[in-house]
C-alpha atoms as a PDB file:
ATOM      1  CA  MET A   1    -207.520-104.584  71.628  1.00  0.00           C
ATOM      2  CA  LYS A   2    -209.778-101.603  72.148  1.00  0.00           C
ATOM      3  CA  LEU A   3    -212.457-102.879  69.776  1.00  0.00           C
ATOM      4  CA  VAL A   4    -212.446-106.340  71.342  1.00  0.00           C
ATOM      5  CA  LEU A   5    -212.656-104.810  74.800  1.00  0.00           C
ATOM      6  CA  VAL A   6    -215.572-102.624  73.718  1.00  0.00           C
ATOM      7  CA  PHE A   7    -217.483-105.665  72.448  1.00  0.00           C
ATOM      8  CA  LEU A   8    -216.742-107.616  75.613  1.00  0.00           C
ATOM      9  CA  LEU A   9    -217.818-104.785  77.860  1.00  0.00           C
ATOM     10  CA  ALA A  10    -220.897-104.040  75.779  1.00  0.00           C
ATOM     11  CA  ALA A  11    -222.192-107.507  76.660  1.00  0.00           C
ATOM     12  CA  ILE A  12    -221.863-106.976  80.410  1.00  0.00           C
ATOM     13  CA  PRO A  13    -224.838-104.589  80.907  1.00  0.00           C
ATOM     14  CA  ILE A  14    -227.116-107.047  79.135  1.00  0.00           C
ATOM     15  CA  CYS A  15    -226.335-109.617  81.809  1.00  0.00           C
ATOM     16  CA  CYS A  16    -226.291-107.268  84.783  1.00  0.00           C
ATOM     17  CA  TYR A  17    -230.060-107.011  85.168  1.00  0.00           C
ATOM     18  CA  ALA A  18    -230.072-110.223  87.191  1.00  0.00           C
ATOM     19  CA  GLY A  19    -228.529-108.649  90.289  1.00  0.00           C
ATOM     20  CA  ALA A  20    -225.917-106.372  91.812  1.00  0.00           C
ATOM     21  CA  ASP A  21    -222.249-107.115  92.516  1.00  0.00           C
ATOM     22  CA  SER A  22    -222.243-109.849  89.889  1.00  0.00           C
ATOM     23  CA  SER A  23    -224.079-110.886  86.788  1.00  0.00           C
ATOM     24  CA  ASN A  24    -225.718-113.721  88.738  1.00  0.00           C
ATOM     25  CA  CYS A  25    -224.335-115.883  85.983  1.00  0.00           C
ATOM     26  CA  LEU A  26    -221.477-117.761  87.590  1.00  0.00           C
ATOM     27  CA  ALA A  27    -220.131-118.915  84.232  1.00  0.00           C
ATOM     28  CA  MET A  28    -219.871-115.360  82.912  1.00  0.00           C
ATOM     29  CA  ASP A  29    -218.394-114.100  86.178  1.00  0.00           C
ATOM     30  CA  ASP A  30    -215.773-116.853  86.024  1.00  0.00           C
ATOM     31  CA  VAL A  31    -214.890-116.108  82.387  1.00  0.00           C
ATOM     32  CA  ILE A  32    -214.485-112.390  83.111  1.00  0.00           C
ATOM     33  CA  ALA A  33    -212.410-113.077  86.228  1.00  0.00           C
ATOM     34  CA  GLN A  34    -210.145-115.498  84.352  1.00  0.00           C
ATOM     35  CA  LEU A  35    -209.838-113.075  81.432  1.00  0.00           C
ATOM     36  CA  ILE A  36    -208.739-110.192  83.650  1.00  0.00           C
ATOM     37  CA  ASN A  37    -206.429-112.332  85.819  1.00  0.00           C
ATOM     38  CA  SER A  38    -202.877-111.911  84.535  1.00  0.00           C
ATOM     39  CA  SER A  39    -201.703-115.104  86.254  1.00  0.00           C
ATOM     40  CA  VAL A  40    -203.978-117.275  84.064  1.00  0.00           C
ATOM     41  CA  PRO A  41    -202.139-118.343  80.902  1.00  0.00           C
ATOM     42  CA  VAL A  42    -203.811-118.564  77.499  1.00  0.00           C
ATOM     43  CA  ASP A  43    -203.978-122.385  77.593  1.00  0.00           C
ATOM     44  CA  ASP A  44    -205.762-122.397  80.955  1.00  0.00           C
ATOM     45  CA  PHE A  45    -208.176-119.711  79.770  1.00  0.00           C
ATOM     46  CA  GLN A  46    -209.015-121.785  76.712  1.00  0.00           C
ATOM     47  CA  GLY A  47    -209.939-124.605  79.082  1.00  0.00           C
ATOM     48  CA  VAL A  48    -212.306-122.272  80.950  1.00  0.00           C
ATOM     49  CA  ILE A  49    -214.018-121.104  77.772  1.00  0.00           C
ATOM     50  CA  LYS A  50    -213.821-124.368  75.827  1.00  0.00           C
ATOM     51  CA  SER A  51    -217.541-125.121  76.059  1.00  0.00           C
ATOM     52  CA  TYR A  52    -218.366-121.675  74.642  1.00  0.00           C
ATOM     53  CA  ALA A  53    -215.713-121.536  71.899  1.00  0.00           C
ATOM     54  CA  ARG A  54    -215.873-124.850  70.098  1.00  0.00           C
ATOM     55  CA  LEU A  55    -214.749-123.926  66.598  1.00  0.00           C
ATOM     56  CA  PRO A  56    -211.070-123.483  65.672  1.00  0.00           C
ATOM     57  CA  TYR A  57    -211.498-119.827  64.727  1.00  0.00           C
ATOM     58  CA  ASP A  58    -213.301-119.230  68.032  1.00  0.00           C
ATOM     59  CA  GLU A  59    -210.336-120.714  69.883  1.00  0.00           C
ATOM     60  CA  ASN A  60    -207.995-118.475  67.901  1.00  0.00           C
ATOM     61  CA  ALA A  61    -210.071-115.388  68.723  1.00  0.00           C
ATOM     62  CA  VAL A  62    -210.202-116.348  72.412  1.00  0.00           C
ATOM     63  CA  SER A  63    -206.437-116.827  72.447  1.00  0.00           C
ATOM     64  CA  LYS A  64    -205.900-113.398  70.924  1.00  0.00           C
ATOM     65  CA  LEU A  65    -208.347-111.800  73.356  1.00  0.00           C
ATOM     66  CA  LYS A  66    -206.627-113.334  76.379  1.00  0.00           C
ATOM     67  CA  GLN A  67    -203.196-112.411  74.998  1.00  0.00           C
ATOM     68  CA  CYS A  68    -204.374-108.807  74.650  1.00  0.00           C
ATOM     69  CA  PHE A  69    -205.187-108.781  78.347  1.00  0.00           C
ATOM     70  CA  LEU A  70    -201.880-110.447  79.215  1.00  0.00           C
ATOM     71  CA  ASP A  71    -200.063-107.709  77.295  1.00  0.00           C
ATOM     72  CA  GLN A  72    -201.660-104.978  79.406  1.00  0.00           C
ATOM     73  CA  PRO A  73    -200.041-103.539  82.526  1.00  0.00           C
ATOM     74  CA  GLU A  74    -201.482-104.620  85.866  1.00  0.00           C
ATOM     75  CA  GLU A  75    -202.924-101.134  86.404  1.00  0.00           C
ATOM     76  CA  THR A  76    -205.081-101.516  83.287  1.00  0.00           C
ATOM     77  CA  LEU A  77    -206.371-104.902  84.457  1.00  0.00           C
ATOM     78  CA  VAL A  78    -207.286-103.419  87.828  1.00  0.00           C
ATOM     79  CA  ASN A  79    -209.122-100.596  86.047  1.00  0.00           C
ATOM     80  CA  VAL A  80    -211.063-103.092  83.902  1.00  0.00           C
ATOM     81  CA  ASN A  81    -212.136-104.886  87.071  1.00  0.00           C
ATOM     82  CA  VAL A  82    -213.211-101.555  88.601  1.00  0.00           C
ATOM     83  CA  MET A  83    -215.236-100.812  85.471  1.00  0.00           C
ATOM     84  CA  VAL A  84    -216.948-104.217  85.571  1.00  0.00           C
ATOM     85  CA  ASP A  85    -217.849-103.622  89.226  1.00  0.00           C
ATOM     86  CA  ALA A  86    -219.136-100.138  88.352  1.00  0.00           C
ATOM     87  CA  VAL A  87    -221.406-101.604  85.690  1.00  0.00           C
ATOM     88  CA  TYR A  88    -222.827-104.178  88.123  1.00  0.00           C
ATOM     89  CA  ASN A  89    -223.350-101.544  90.804  1.00  0.00           C
ATOM     90  CA  SER A  90    -224.775 -98.839  88.536  1.00  0.00           C
ATOM     91  CA  LYS A  91    -228.242 -97.428  89.130  1.00  0.00           C
ATOM     92  CA  ASP A  92    -229.326 -98.908  85.799  1.00  0.00           C
ATOM     93  CA  CYS A  93    -228.408-102.410  86.954  1.00  0.00           C
ATOM     94  CA  PRO A  94    -231.096-103.439  89.466  1.00  0.00           C
END
């Protein structure tokens, strides 16, 4: 889980240069929001990311990633959201 989370979060600063408070990429913002949201089941999340994960092993990886987030306590999910907001609002993210 930690390695997957590191890779996911490493991609966020690359996209944050477009603007503050969001990536200015509605698709990415939606994927991150759905990933962090504990009320979104794996099947629904696969529908959100279907156009990005077309191969069977991509779907399997996406399922495992979402399940990792579902297995986390709500406090952890809130902290991930705080971290994403901190990245978007950092001084290095114009």
